[in-house]
Amino acid sequence: SKLAVLHPDAHIYHMPLAVDIDRMLQILDE
């Protein structure tokens, strides 16, 4: 929200971070 005000010409989006599920399943059992 803060960046959207500071940089009106840019395109600002909200996007949570991610986890590599495939790698987790290769390392760990389910």
mmCIF file of all heavy atoms, coordinates in Angstrom:
data_MODEL
# 
_entry.id   MODEL 
# 
loop_
_atom_site.group_PDB 
_atom_site.id 
_atom_site.type_symbol 
_atom_site.label_atom_id 
_atom_site.label_alt_id 
_atom_site.label_comp_id 
_atom_site.label_asym_id 
_atom_site.label_entity_id 
_atom_site.label_seq_id 
_atom_site.pdbx_PDB_ins_code 
_atom_site.Cartn_x 
_atom_site.Cartn_y 
_atom_site.Cartn_z 
_atom_site.occupancy 
_atom_site.B_iso_or_equiv 
_atom_site.pdbx_formal_charge 
_atom_site.auth_seq_id 
_atom_site.auth_comp_id 
_atom_site.auth_asym_id 
_atom_site.auth_atom_id 
_atom_site.pdbx_PDB_model_num 
ATOM 1   N N   . SER A 1 1  ? 0.829  -1.208  0.000   1.00 0.00 ? 1  SER A N   1 
ATOM 2   C CA  . SER A 1 1  ? 0.000  0.000   0.000   1.00 0.00 ? 1  SER A CA  1 
ATOM 3   C C   . SER A 1 1  ? 0.861  1.254   0.000   1.00 0.00 ? 1  SER A C   1 
ATOM 4   O O   . SER A 1 1  ? 0.554  2.234   -0.692  1.00 0.00 ? 1  SER A O   1 
ATOM 5   C CB  . SER A 1 1  ? -0.929 -0.006  1.216   1.00 0.00 ? 1  SER A CB  1 
ATOM 6   O OG  . SER A 1 1  ? -1.779 -1.130  1.189   1.00 0.00 ? 1  SER A OG  1 
ATOM 7   N N   . LYS A 1 2  ? 1.933  1.219   0.767   1.00 0.00 ? 2  LYS A N   1 
ATOM 8   C CA  . LYS A 1 2  ? 2.833  2.365   0.844   1.00 0.00 ? 2  LYS A CA  1 
ATOM 9   C C   . LYS A 1 2  ? 3.516  2.620   -0.498  1.00 0.00 ? 2  LYS A C   1 
ATOM 10  O O   . LYS A 1 2  ? 3.615  3.764   -0.962  1.00 0.00 ? 2  LYS A O   1 
ATOM 11  C CB  . LYS A 1 2  ? 3.869  2.107   1.933   1.00 0.00 ? 2  LYS A CB  1 
ATOM 12  C CG  . LYS A 1 2  ? 4.866  3.225   2.144   1.00 0.00 ? 2  LYS A CG  1 
ATOM 13  C CD  . LYS A 1 2  ? 5.829  2.851   3.271   1.00 0.00 ? 2  LYS A CD  1 
ATOM 14  C CE  . LYS A 1 2  ? 6.879  3.930   3.475   1.00 0.00 ? 2  LYS A CE  1 
ATOM 15  N NZ  . LYS A 1 2  ? 7.825  3.574   4.570   1.00 0.00 ? 2  LYS A NZ  1 
ATOM 16  N N   . LEU A 1 3  ? 3.971  1.556   -1.152  1.00 0.00 ? 3  LEU A N   1 
ATOM 17  C CA  . LEU A 1 3  ? 4.665  1.695   -2.438  1.00 0.00 ? 3  LEU A CA  1 
ATOM 18  C C   . LEU A 1 3  ? 3.725  2.189   -3.532  1.00 0.00 ? 3  LEU A C   1 
ATOM 19  O O   . LEU A 1 3  ? 4.140  2.914   -4.435  1.00 0.00 ? 3  LEU A O   1 
ATOM 20  C CB  . LEU A 1 3  ? 5.292  0.364   -2.844  1.00 0.00 ? 3  LEU A CB  1 
ATOM 21  C CG  . LEU A 1 3  ? 6.478  -0.123  -2.014  1.00 0.00 ? 3  LEU A CG  1 
ATOM 22  C CD1 . LEU A 1 3  ? 6.901  -1.514  -2.463  1.00 0.00 ? 3  LEU A CD1 1 
ATOM 23  C CD2 . LEU A 1 3  ? 7.654  0.848   -2.118  1.00 0.00 ? 3  LEU A CD2 1 
ATOM 24  N N   . ALA A 1 4  ? 2.473  1.793   -3.464  1.00 0.00 ? 4  ALA A N   1 
ATOM 25  C CA  . ALA A 1 4  ? 1.507  2.233   -4.476  1.00 0.00 ? 4  ALA A CA  1 
ATOM 26  C C   . ALA A 1 4  ? 1.344  3.750   -4.463  1.00 0.00 ? 4  ALA A C   1 
ATOM 27  O O   . ALA A 1 4  ? 1.112  4.367   -5.505  1.00 0.00 ? 4  ALA A O   1 
ATOM 28  C CB  . ALA A 1 4  ? 0.163  1.553   -4.233  1.00 0.00 ? 4  ALA A CB  1 
ATOM 29  N N   . VAL A 1 5  ? 1.488  4.350   -3.286  1.00 0.00 ? 5  VAL A N   1 
ATOM 30  C CA  . VAL A 1 5  ? 1.409  5.807   -3.169  1.00 0.00 ? 5  VAL A CA  1 
ATOM 31  C C   . VAL A 1 5  ? 2.723  6.457   -3.596  1.00 0.00 ? 5  VAL A C   1 
ATOM 32  O O   . VAL A 1 5  ? 2.748  7.464   -4.306  1.00 0.00 ? 5  VAL A O   1 
ATOM 33  C CB  . VAL A 1 5  ? 1.051  6.208   -1.719  1.00 0.00 ? 5  VAL A CB  1 
ATOM 34  C CG1 . VAL A 1 5  ? 1.096  7.727   -1.555  1.00 0.00 ? 5  VAL A CG1 1 
ATOM 35  C CG2 . VAL A 1 5  ? -0.322 5.668   -1.339  1.00 0.00 ? 5  VAL A CG2 1 
ATOM 36  N N   . LEU A 1 6  ? 3.833  5.855   -3.163  1.00 0.00 ? 6  LEU A N   1 
ATOM 37  C CA  . LEU A 1 6  ? 5.152  6.416   -3.482  1.00 0.00 ? 6  LEU A CA  1 
ATOM 38  C C   . LEU A 1 6  ? 5.470  6.350   -4.967  1.00 0.00 ? 6  LEU A C   1 
ATOM 39  O O   . LEU A 1 6  ? 6.113  7.255   -5.507  1.00 0.00 ? 6  LEU A O   1 
ATOM 40  C CB  . LEU A 1 6  ? 6.243  5.659   -2.710  1.00 0.00 ? 6  LEU A CB  1 
ATOM 41  C CG  . LEU A 1 6  ? 6.414  5.956   -1.226  1.00 0.00 ? 6  LEU A CG  1 
ATOM 42  C CD1 . LEU A 1 6  ? 7.487  5.043   -0.638  1.00 0.00 ? 6  LEU A CD1 1 
ATOM 43  C CD2 . LEU A 1 6  ? 6.794  7.420   -0.998  1.00 0.00 ? 6  LEU A CD2 1 
ATOM 44  N N   . HIS A 1 7  ? 5.027  5.286   -5.636  1.00 0.00 ? 7  HIS A N   1 
ATOM 45  C CA  . HIS A 1 7  ? 5.424  5.052   -7.034  1.00 0.00 ? 7  HIS A CA  1 
ATOM 46  C C   . HIS A 1 7  ? 4.180  4.859   -7.917  1.00 0.00 ? 7  HIS A C   1 
ATOM 47  O O   . HIS A 1 7  ? 3.885  3.743   -8.359  1.00 0.00 ? 7  HIS A O   1 
ATOM 48  C CB  . HIS A 1 7  ? 6.338  3.822   -7.113  1.00 0.00 ? 7  HIS A CB  1 
ATOM 49  C CG  . HIS A 1 7  ? 7.549  3.899   -6.239  1.00 0.00 ? 7  HIS A CG  1 
ATOM 50  N ND1 . HIS A 1 7  ? 8.411  4.976   -6.253  1.00 0.00 ? 7  HIS A ND1 1 
ATOM 51  C CD2 . HIS A 1 7  ? 8.037  3.017   -5.318  1.00 0.00 ? 7  HIS A CD2 1 
ATOM 52  C CE1 . HIS A 1 7  ? 9.391  4.757   -5.389  1.00 0.00 ? 7  HIS A CE1 1 
ATOM 53  N NE2 . HIS A 1 7  ? 9.189  3.601   -4.806  1.00 0.00 ? 7  HIS A NE2 1 
ATOM 54  N N   . PRO A 1 8  ? 3.463  5.923   -8.196  1.00 0.00 ? 8  PRO A N   1 
ATOM 55  C CA  . PRO A 1 8  ? 2.205  5.799   -8.957  1.00 0.00 ? 8  PRO A CA  1 
ATOM 56  C C   . PRO A 1 8  ? 2.404  5.355   -10.398 1.00 0.00 ? 8  PRO A C   1 
ATOM 57  O O   . PRO A 1 8  ? 1.460  4.828   -11.015 1.00 0.00 ? 8  PRO A O   1 
ATOM 58  C CB  . PRO A 1 8  ? 1.616  7.211   -8.888  1.00 0.00 ? 8  PRO A CB  1 
ATOM 59  C CG  . PRO A 1 8  ? 2.800  8.110   -8.625  1.00 0.00 ? 8  PRO A CG  1 
ATOM 60  C CD  . PRO A 1 8  ? 3.727  7.315   -7.776  1.00 0.00 ? 8  PRO A CD  1 
ATOM 61  N N   . ASP A 1 9  ? 3.588  5.552   -10.966 1.00 0.00 ? 9  ASP A N   1 
ATOM 62  C CA  . ASP A 1 9  ? 3.813  5.155   -12.358 1.00 0.00 ? 9  ASP A CA  1 
ATOM 63  C C   . ASP A 1 9  ? 4.174  3.676   -12.491 1.00 0.00 ? 9  ASP A C   1 
ATOM 64  O O   . ASP A 1 9  ? 4.054  3.097   -13.577 1.00 0.00 ? 9  ASP A O   1 
ATOM 65  C CB  . ASP A 1 9  ? 4.931  6.001   -12.973 1.00 0.00 ? 9  ASP A CB  1 
ATOM 66  C CG  . ASP A 1 9  ? 4.536  7.464   -13.128 1.00 0.00 ? 9  ASP A CG  1 
ATOM 67  O OD1 . ASP A 1 9  ? 3.315  7.747   -13.143 1.00 0.00 ? 9  ASP A OD1 1 
ATOM 68  O OD2 . ASP A 1 9  ? 5.430  8.320   -13.216 1.00 0.00 ? 9  ASP A OD2 1 
ATOM 69  N N   . ALA A 1 10 ? 4.657  3.075   -11.405 1.00 0.00 ? 10 ALA A N   1 
ATOM 70  C CA  . ALA A 1 10 ? 5.007  1.658   -11.428 1.00 0.00 ? 10 ALA A CA  1 
ATOM 71  C C   . ALA A 1 10 ? 3.757  0.803   -11.196 1.00 0.00 ? 10 ALA A C   1 
ATOM 72  O O   . ALA A 1 10 ? 2.687  1.314   -10.842 1.00 0.00 ? 10 ALA A O   1 
ATOM 73  C CB  . ALA A 1 10 ? 6.053  1.366   -10.365 1.00 0.00 ? 10 ALA A CB  1 
ATOM 74  N N   . HIS A 1 11 ? 3.903  -0.486  -11.394 1.00 0.00 ? 11 HIS A N   1 
ATOM 75  C CA  . HIS A 1 11 ? 2.818  -1.438  -11.155 1.00 0.00 ? 11 HIS A CA  1 
ATOM 76  C C   . HIS A 1 11 ? 3.160  -2.212  -9.881  1.00 0.00 ? 11 HIS A C   1 
ATOM 77  O O   . HIS A 1 11 ? 4.134  -2.961  -9.853  1.00 0.00 ? 11 HIS A O   1 
ATOM 78  C CB  . HIS A 1 11 ? 2.665  -2.384  -12.338 1.00 0.00 ? 11 HIS A CB  1 
ATOM 79  C CG  . HIS A 1 11 ? 2.530  -1.680  -13.663 1.00 0.00 ? 11 HIS A CG  1 
ATOM 80  N ND1 . HIS A 1 11 ? 1.312  -1.237  -14.146 1.00 0.00 ? 11 HIS A ND1 1 
ATOM 81  C CD2 . HIS A 1 11 ? 3.465  -1.309  -14.576 1.00 0.00 ? 11 HIS A CD2 1 
ATOM 82  C CE1 . HIS A 1 11 ? 1.495  -0.640  -15.309 1.00 0.00 ? 11 HIS A CE1 1 
ATOM 83  N NE2 . HIS A 1 11 ? 2.794  -0.667  -15.598 1.00 0.00 ? 11 HIS A NE2 1 
ATOM 84  N N   . ILE A 1 12 ? 2.354  -2.032  -8.843  1.00 0.00 ? 12 ILE A N   1 
ATOM 85  C CA  . ILE A 1 12 ? 2.622  -2.629  -7.545  1.00 0.00 ? 12 ILE A CA  1 
ATOM 86  C C   . ILE A 1 12 ? 1.551  -3.670  -7.242  1.00 0.00 ? 12 ILE A C   1 
ATOM 87  O O   . ILE A 1 12 ? 0.351  -3.390  -7.372  1.00 0.00 ? 12 ILE A O   1 
ATOM 88  C CB  . ILE A 1 12 ? 2.644  -1.562  -6.424  1.00 0.00 ? 12 ILE A CB  1 
ATOM 89  C CG1 . ILE A 1 12 ? 3.514  -0.364  -6.825  1.00 0.00 ? 12 ILE A CG1 1 
ATOM 90  C CG2 . ILE A 1 12 ? 3.103  -2.181  -5.110  1.00 0.00 ? 12 ILE A CG2 1 
ATOM 91  C CD1 . ILE A 1 12 ? 4.982  -0.664  -6.968  1.00 0.00 ? 12 ILE A CD1 1 
ATOM 92  N N   . TYR A 1 13 ? 1.970  -4.861  -6.837  1.00 0.00 ? 13 TYR A N   1 
ATOM 93  C CA  . TYR A 1 13 ? 1.041  -5.956  -6.568  1.00 0.00 ? 13 TYR A CA  1 
ATOM 94  C C   . TYR A 1 13 ? 1.364  -6.579  -5.203  1.00 0.00 ? 13 TYR A C   1 
ATOM 95  O O   . TYR A 1 13 ? 2.503  -6.583  -4.763  1.00 0.00 ? 13 TYR A O   1 
ATOM 96  C CB  . TYR A 1 13 ? 1.164  -7.073  -7.613  1.00 0.00 ? 13 TYR A CB  1 
ATOM 97  C CG  . TYR A 1 13 ? 1.196  -6.636  -9.055  1.00 0.00 ? 13 TYR A CG  1 
ATOM 98  C CD1 . TYR A 1 13 ? 2.373  -6.153  -9.634  1.00 0.00 ? 13 TYR A CD1 1 
ATOM 99  C CD2 . TYR A 1 13 ? 0.062  -6.752  -9.862  1.00 0.00 ? 13 TYR A CD2 1 
ATOM 100 C CE1 . TYR A 1 13 ? 2.422  -5.779  -10.969 1.00 0.00 ? 13 TYR A CE1 1 
ATOM 101 C CE2 . TYR A 1 13 ? 0.097  -6.382  -11.207 1.00 0.00 ? 13 TYR A CE2 1 
ATOM 102 C CZ  . TYR A 1 13 ? 1.283  -5.894  -11.753 1.00 0.00 ? 13 TYR A CZ  1 
ATOM 103 O OH  . TYR A 1 13 ? 1.329  -5.526  -13.081 1.00 0.00 ? 13 TYR A OH  1 
ATOM 104 N N   . HIS A 1 14 ? 0.347  -7.149  -4.582  1.00 0.00 ? 14 HIS A N   1 
ATOM 105 C CA  . HIS A 1 14 ? 0.577  -7.953  -3.388  1.00 0.00 ? 14 HIS A CA  1 
ATOM 106 C C   . HIS A 1 14 ? 0.739  -9.404  -3.799  1.00 0.00 ? 14 HIS A C   1 
ATOM 107 O O   . HIS A 1 14 ? -0.085 -9.946  -4.551  1.00 0.00 ? 14 HIS A O   1 
ATOM 108 C CB  . HIS A 1 14 ? -0.599 -7.830  -2.415  1.00 0.00 ? 14 HIS A CB  1 
ATOM 109 C CG  . HIS A 1 14 ? -0.468 -8.727  -1.211  1.00 0.00 ? 14 HIS A CG  1 
ATOM 110 N ND1 . HIS A 1 14 ? -1.186 -9.884  -1.062  1.00 0.00 ? 14 HIS A ND1 1 
ATOM 111 C CD2 . HIS A 1 14 ? 0.340  -8.630  -0.118  1.00 0.00 ? 14 HIS A CD2 1 
ATOM 112 C CE1 . HIS A 1 14 ? -0.852 -10.459 0.078   1.00 0.00 ? 14 HIS A CE1 1 
ATOM 113 N NE2 . HIS A 1 14 ? 0.065  -9.721  0.671   1.00 0.00 ? 14 HIS A NE2 1 
ATOM 114 N N   . MET A 1 15 ? 1.813  -10.040 -3.346  1.00 0.00 ? 15 MET A N   1 
ATOM 115 C CA  . MET A 1 15 ? 2.039  -11.446 -3.659  1.00 0.00 ? 15 MET A CA  1 
ATOM 116 C C   . MET A 1 15 ? 2.787  -12.123 -2.512  1.00 0.00 ? 15 MET A C   1 
ATOM 117 O O   . MET A 1 15 ? 3.971  -11.870 -2.289  1.00 0.00 ? 15 MET A O   1 
ATOM 118 C CB  . MET A 1 15 ? 2.848  -11.597 -4.954  1.00 0.00 ? 15 MET A CB  1 
ATOM 119 C CG  . MET A 1 15 ? 3.116  -13.057 -5.355  1.00 0.00 ? 15 MET A CG  1 
ATOM 120 S SD  . MET A 1 15 ? 1.601  -14.032 -5.539  1.00 0.00 ? 15 MET A SD  1 
ATOM 121 C CE  . MET A 1 15 ? 0.787  -13.150 -6.870  1.00 0.00 ? 15 MET A CE  1 
ATOM 122 N N   . PRO A 1 16 ? 2.105  -12.984 -1.737  1.00 0.00 ? 16 PRO A N   1 
ATOM 123 C CA  . PRO A 1 16 ? 2.801  -13.729 -0.679  1.00 0.00 ? 16 PRO A CA  1 
ATOM 124 C C   . PRO A 1 16 ? 3.929  -14.576 -1.255  1.00 0.00 ? 16 PRO A C   1 
ATOM 125 O O   . PRO A 1 16 ? 3.948  -14.909 -2.444  1.00 0.00 ? 16 PRO A O   1 
ATOM 126 C CB  . PRO A 1 16 ? 1.691  -14.603 -0.093  1.00 0.00 ? 16 PRO A CB  1 
ATOM 127 C CG  . PRO A 1 16 ? 0.424  -13.883 -0.416  1.00 0.00 ? 16 PRO A CG  1 
ATOM 128 C CD  . PRO A 1 16 ? 0.667  -13.252 -1.768  1.00 0.00 ? 16 PRO A CD  1 
ATOM 129 N N   . LEU A 1 17 ? 4.860  -14.924 -0.393  1.00 0.00 ? 17 LEU A N   1 
ATOM 130 C CA  . LEU A 1 17 ? 6.000  -15.736 -0.797  1.00 0.00 ? 17 LEU A CA  1 
ATOM 131 C C   . LEU A 1 17 ? 5.569  -17.189 -0.985  1.00 0.00 ? 17 LEU A C   1 
ATOM 132 O O   . LEU A 1 17 ? 4.413  -17.546 -0.771  1.00 0.00 ? 17 LEU A O   1 
ATOM 133 C CB  . LEU A 1 17 ? 7.120  -15.599 0.229   1.00 0.00 ? 17 LEU A CB  1 
ATOM 134 C CG  . LEU A 1 17 ? 7.665  -14.171 0.365   1.00 0.00 ? 17 LEU A CG  1 
ATOM 135 C CD1 . LEU A 1 17 ? 8.611  -14.049 1.550   1.00 0.00 ? 17 LEU A CD1 1 
ATOM 136 C CD2 . LEU A 1 17 ? 8.361  -13.734 -0.922  1.00 0.00 ? 17 LEU A CD2 1 
ATOM 137 N N   . ALA A 1 18 ? 6.514  -18.036 -1.399  1.00 0.00 ? 18 ALA A N   1 
ATOM 138 C CA  . ALA A 1 18 ? 6.160  -19.392 -1.815  1.00 0.00 ? 18 ALA A CA  1 
ATOM 139 C C   . ALA A 1 18 ? 7.100  -20.424 -1.219  1.00 0.00 ? 18 ALA A C   1 
ATOM 140 O O   . ALA A 1 18 ? 8.182  -20.110 -0.710  1.00 0.00 ? 18 ALA A O   1 
ATOM 141 C CB  . ALA A 1 18 ? 6.188  -19.475 -3.348  1.00 0.00 ? 18 ALA A CB  1 
ATOM 142 N N   . VAL A 1 19 ? 6.670  -21.671 -1.311  1.00 0.00 ? 19 VAL A N   1 
ATOM 143 C CA  . VAL A 1 19 ? 7.488  -22.802 -0.880  1.00 0.00 ? 19 VAL A CA  1 
ATOM 144 C C   . VAL A 1 19 ? 7.556  -23.816 -2.019  1.00 0.00 ? 19 VAL A C   1 
ATOM 145 O O   . VAL A 1 19 ? 6.606  -23.968 -2.793  1.00 0.00 ? 19 VAL A O   1 
ATOM 146 C CB  . VAL A 1 19 ? 6.906  -23.445 0.400   1.00 0.00 ? 19 VAL A CB  1 
ATOM 147 C CG1 . VAL A 1 19 ? 5.524  -24.028 0.148   1.00 0.00 ? 19 VAL A CG1 1 
ATOM 148 C CG2 . VAL A 1 19 ? 7.846  -24.506 0.958   1.00 0.00 ? 19 VAL A CG2 1 
ATOM 149 N N   . ASP A 1 20 ? 8.686  -24.485 -2.129  1.00 0.00 ? 20 ASP A N   1 
ATOM 150 C CA  . ASP A 1 20 ? 8.905  -25.468 -3.183  1.00 0.00 ? 20 ASP A CA  1 
ATOM 151 C C   . ASP A 1 20 ? 8.370  -26.821 -2.727  1.00 0.00 ? 20 ASP A C   1 
ATOM 152 O O   . ASP A 1 20 ? 9.090  -27.630 -2.141  1.00 0.00 ? 20 ASP A O   1 
ATOM 153 C CB  . ASP A 1 20 ? 10.408 -25.554 -3.500  1.00 0.00 ? 20 ASP A CB  1 
ATOM 154 C CG  . ASP A 1 20 ? 10.694 -26.408 -4.721  1.00 0.00 ? 20 ASP A CG  1 
ATOM 155 O OD1 . ASP A 1 20 ? 9.794  -27.133 -5.182  1.00 0.00 ? 20 ASP A OD1 1 
ATOM 156 O OD2 . ASP A 1 20 ? 11.846 -26.349 -5.209  1.00 0.00 ? 20 ASP A OD2 1 
ATOM 157 N N   . ILE A 1 21 ? 7.094  -27.073 -2.967  1.00 0.00 ? 21 ILE A N   1 
ATOM 158 C CA  . ILE A 1 21 ? 6.442  -28.287 -2.493  1.00 0.00 ? 21 ILE A CA  1 
ATOM 159 C C   . ILE A 1 21 ? 7.055  -29.530 -3.123  1.00 0.00 ? 21 ILE A C   1 
ATOM 160 O O   . ILE A 1 21 ? 7.262  -30.555 -2.458  1.00 0.00 ? 21 ILE A O   1 
ATOM 161 C CB  . ILE A 1 21 ? 4.925  -28.229 -2.765  1.00 0.00 ? 21 ILE A CB  1 
ATOM 162 C CG1 . ILE A 1 21 ? 4.279  -27.117 -1.916  1.00 0.00 ? 21 ILE A CG1 1 
ATOM 163 C CG2 . ILE A 1 21 ? 4.268  -29.571 -2.471  1.00 0.00 ? 21 ILE A CG2 1 
ATOM 164 C CD1 . ILE A 1 21 ? 4.369  -27.337 -0.426  1.00 0.00 ? 21 ILE A CD1 1 
ATOM 165 N N   . ASP A 1 22 ? 7.362  -29.493 -4.420  1.00 0.00 ? 22 ASP A N   1 
ATOM 166 C CA  . ASP A 1 22 ? 7.949  -30.659 -5.085  1.00 0.00 ? 22 ASP A CA  1 
ATOM 167 C C   . ASP A 1 22 ? 9.273  -31.055 -4.440  1.00 0.00 ? 22 ASP A C   1 
ATOM 168 O O   . ASP A 1 22 ? 9.552  -32.242 -4.236  1.00 0.00 ? 22 ASP A O   1 
ATOM 169 C CB  . ASP A 1 22 ? 8.167  -30.367 -6.571  1.00 0.00 ? 22 ASP A CB  1 
ATOM 170 C CG  . ASP A 1 22 ? 6.859  -30.317 -7.341  1.00 0.00 ? 22 ASP A CG  1 
ATOM 171 O OD1 . ASP A 1 22 ? 5.837  -30.794 -6.805  1.00 0.00 ? 22 ASP A OD1 1 
ATOM 172 O OD2 . ASP A 1 22 ? 6.850  -29.796 -8.469  1.00 0.00 ? 22 ASP A OD2 1 
ATOM 173 N N   . ARG A 1 23 ? 10.093 -30.037 -4.115  1.00 0.00 ? 23 ARG A N   1 
ATOM 174 C CA  . ARG A 1 23 ? 11.375 -30.338 -3.459  1.00 0.00 ? 23 ARG A CA  1 
ATOM 175 C C   . ARG A 1 23 ? 11.143 -30.929 -2.074  1.00 0.00 ? 23 ARG A C   1 
ATOM 176 O O   . ARG A 1 23 ? 11.834 -31.854 -1.656  1.00 0.00 ? 23 ARG A O   1 
ATOM 177 C CB  . ARG A 1 23 ? 12.221 -29.064 -3.360  1.00 0.00 ? 23 ARG A CB  1 
ATOM 178 C CG  . ARG A 1 23 ? 13.525 -29.249 -2.603  1.00 0.00 ? 23 ARG A CG  1 
ATOM 179 C CD  . ARG A 1 23 ? 14.397 -28.011 -2.712  1.00 0.00 ? 23 ARG A CD  1 
ATOM 180 N NE  . ARG A 1 23 ? 13.736 -26.814 -2.205  1.00 0.00 ? 23 ARG A NE  1 
ATOM 181 C CZ  . ARG A 1 23 ? 13.731 -26.469 -0.912  1.00 0.00 ? 23 ARG A CZ  1 
ATOM 182 N NH1 . ARG A 1 23 ? 14.326 -27.234 -0.012  1.00 0.00 ? 23 ARG A NH1 1 
ATOM 183 N NH2 . ARG A 1 23 ? 13.125 -25.362 -0.531  1.00 0.00 ? 23 ARG A NH2 1 
ATOM 184 N N   . MET A 1 24 ? 10.152 -30.414 -1.359  1.00 0.00 ? 24 MET A N   1 
ATOM 185 C CA  . MET A 1 24 ? 9.840  -30.946 -0.034  1.00 0.00 ? 24 MET A CA  1 
ATOM 186 C C   . MET A 1 24 ? 9.458  -32.418 -0.122  1.00 0.00 ? 24 MET A C   1 
ATOM 187 O O   . MET A 1 24 ? 9.890  -33.241 0.683   1.00 0.00 ? 24 MET A O   1 
ATOM 188 C CB  . MET A 1 24 ? 8.691  -30.152 0.604   1.00 0.00 ? 24 MET A CB  1 
ATOM 189 C CG  . MET A 1 24 ? 9.010  -28.706 0.904   1.00 0.00 ? 24 MET A CG  1 
ATOM 190 S SD  . MET A 1 24 ? 10.354 -28.518 2.112   1.00 0.00 ? 24 MET A SD  1 
ATOM 191 C CE  . MET A 1 24 ? 10.394 -26.736 2.275   1.00 0.00 ? 24 MET A CE  1 
ATOM 192 N N   . LEU A 1 25 ? 8.648  -32.756 -1.125  1.00 0.00 ? 25 LEU A N   1 
ATOM 193 C CA  . LEU A 1 25 ? 8.195  -34.142 -1.251  1.00 0.00 ? 25 LEU A CA  1 
ATOM 194 C C   . LEU A 1 25 ? 9.313  -35.076 -1.694  1.00 0.00 ? 25 LEU A C   1 
ATOM 195 O O   . LEU A 1 25 ? 9.265  -36.281 -1.435  1.00 0.00 ? 25 LEU A O   1 
ATOM 196 C CB  . LEU A 1 25 ? 7.018  -34.215 -2.224  1.00 0.00 ? 25 LEU A CB  1 
ATOM 197 C CG  . LEU A 1 25 ? 5.739  -33.511 -1.754  1.00 0.00 ? 25 LEU A CG  1 
ATOM 198 C CD1 . LEU A 1 25 ? 4.649  -33.622 -2.810  1.00 0.00 ? 25 LEU A CD1 1 
ATOM 199 C CD2 . LEU A 1 25 ? 5.258  -34.085 -0.436  1.00 0.00 ? 25 LEU A CD2 1 
ATOM 200 N N   . GLN A 1 26 ? 10.328 -34.535 -2.350  1.00 0.00 ? 26 GLN A N   1 
ATOM 201 C CA  . GLN A 1 26 ? 11.488 -35.352 -2.707  1.00 0.00 ? 26 GLN A CA  1 
ATOM 202 C C   . GLN A 1 26 ? 12.348 -35.661 -1.488  1.00 0.00 ? 26 GLN A C   1 
ATOM 203 O O   . GLN A 1 26 ? 12.931 -36.733 -1.366  1.00 0.00 ? 26 GLN A O   1 
ATOM 204 C CB  . GLN A 1 26 ? 12.333 -34.633 -3.762  1.00 0.00 ? 26 GLN A CB  1 
ATOM 205 C CG  . GLN A 1 26 ? 11.688 -34.560 -5.134  1.00 0.00 ? 26 GLN A CG  1 
ATOM 206 C CD  . GLN A 1 26 ? 12.480 -33.697 -6.101  1.00 0.00 ? 26 GLN A CD  1 
ATOM 207 O OE1 . GLN A 1 26 ? 13.530 -33.170 -5.750  1.00 0.00 ? 26 GLN A OE1 1 
ATOM 208 N NE2 . GLN A 1 26 ? 11.976 -33.547 -7.323  1.00 0.00 ? 26 GLN A NE2 1 
ATOM 209 N N   . ILE A 1 27 ? 12.416 -34.693 -0.566  1.00 0.00 ? 27 ILE A N   1 
ATOM 210 C CA  . ILE A 1 27 ? 13.242 -34.852 0.635   1.00 0.00 ? 27 ILE A CA  1 
ATOM 211 C C   . ILE A 1 27 ? 12.508 -35.628 1.720   1.00 0.00 ? 27 ILE A C   1 
ATOM 212 O O   . ILE A 1 27 ? 13.090 -36.457 2.431   1.00 0.00 ? 27 ILE A O   1 
ATOM 213 C CB  . ILE A 1 27 ? 13.657 -33.468 1.186   1.00 0.00 ? 27 ILE A CB  1 
ATOM 214 C CG1 . ILE A 1 27 ? 14.495 -32.709 0.152   1.00 0.00 ? 27 ILE A CG1 1 
ATOM 215 C CG2 . ILE A 1 27 ? 14.431 -33.591 2.492   1.00 0.00 ? 27 ILE A CG2 1 
ATOM 216 C CD1 . ILE A 1 27 ? 14.758 -31.263 0.533   1.00 0.00 ? 27 ILE A CD1 1 
ATOM 217 N N   . LEU A 1 28 ? 11.201 -35.412 1.824   1.00 0.00 ? 28 LEU A N   1 
ATOM 218 C CA  . LEU A 1 28 ? 10.420 -35.902 2.951   1.00 0.00 ? 28 LEU A CA  1 
ATOM 219 C C   . LEU A 1 28 ? 9.338  -36.869 2.505   1.00 0.00 ? 28 LEU A C   1 
ATOM 220 O O   . LEU A 1 28 ? 8.865  -36.826 1.379   1.00 0.00 ? 28 LEU A O   1 
ATOM 221 C CB  . LEU A 1 28 ? 9.762  -34.716 3.674   1.00 0.00 ? 28 LEU A CB  1 
ATOM 222 C CG  . LEU A 1 28 ? 10.706 -33.576 4.082   1.00 0.00 ? 28 LEU A CG  1 
ATOM 223 C CD1 . LEU A 1 28 ? 9.895  -32.331 4.408   1.00 0.00 ? 28 LEU A CD1 1 
ATOM 224 C CD2 . LEU A 1 28 ? 11.552 -33.986 5.268   1.00 0.00 ? 28 LEU A CD2 1 
ATOM 225 N N   . ASP A 1 29 ? 8.959  -37.749 3.422   1.00 0.00 ? 29 ASP A N   1 
ATOM 226 C CA  . ASP A 1 29 ? 7.863  -38.669 3.148   1.00 0.00 ? 29 ASP A CA  1 
ATOM 227 C C   . ASP A 1 29 ? 6.532  -37.999 3.463   1.00 0.00 ? 29 ASP A C   1 
ATOM 228 O O   . ASP A 1 29 ? 6.456  -37.077 4.247   1.00 0.00 ? 29 ASP A O   1 
ATOM 229 C CB  . ASP A 1 29 ? 7.998  -39.937 3.998   1.00 0.00 ? 29 ASP A CB  1 
ATOM 230 C CG  . ASP A 1 29 ? 9.245  -40.727 3.624   1.00 0.00 ? 29 ASP A CG  1 
ATOM 231 O OD1 . ASP A 1 29 ? 9.607  -40.708 2.434   1.00 0.00 ? 29 ASP A OD1 1 
ATOM 232 O OD2 . ASP A 1 29 ? 9.839  -41.347 4.521   1.00 0.00 ? 29 ASP A OD2 1 
ATOM 233 N N   . GLU A 1 30 ? 5.492  -38.517 2.858   1.00 0.00 ? 30 GLU A N   1 
ATOM 234 C CA  . GLU A 1 30 ? 4.140  -37.994 3.102   1.00 0.00 ? 30 GLU A CA  1 
ATOM 235 C C   . GLU A 1 30 ? 3.327  -39.084 3.778   1.00 0.00 ? 30 GLU A C   1 
ATOM 236 O O   . GLU A 1 30 ? 3.494  -40.250 3.472   1.00 0.00 ? 30 GLU A O   1 
ATOM 237 C CB  . GLU A 1 30 ? 3.491  -37.625 1.768   1.00 0.00 ? 30 GLU A CB  1 
ATOM 238 C CG  . GLU A 1 30 ? 2.062  -37.240 1.901   1.00 0.00 ? 30 GLU A CG  1 
ATOM 239 C CD  . GLU A 1 30 ? 1.850  -35.800 1.505   1.00 0.00 ? 30 GLU A CD  1 
ATOM 240 O OE1 . GLU A 1 30 ? 2.494  -35.347 0.598   1.00 0.00 ? 30 GLU A OE1 1 
ATOM 241 O OE2 . GLU A 1 30 ? 1.033  -35.177 2.158   1.00 0.00 ? 30 GLU A OE2 1 
# 
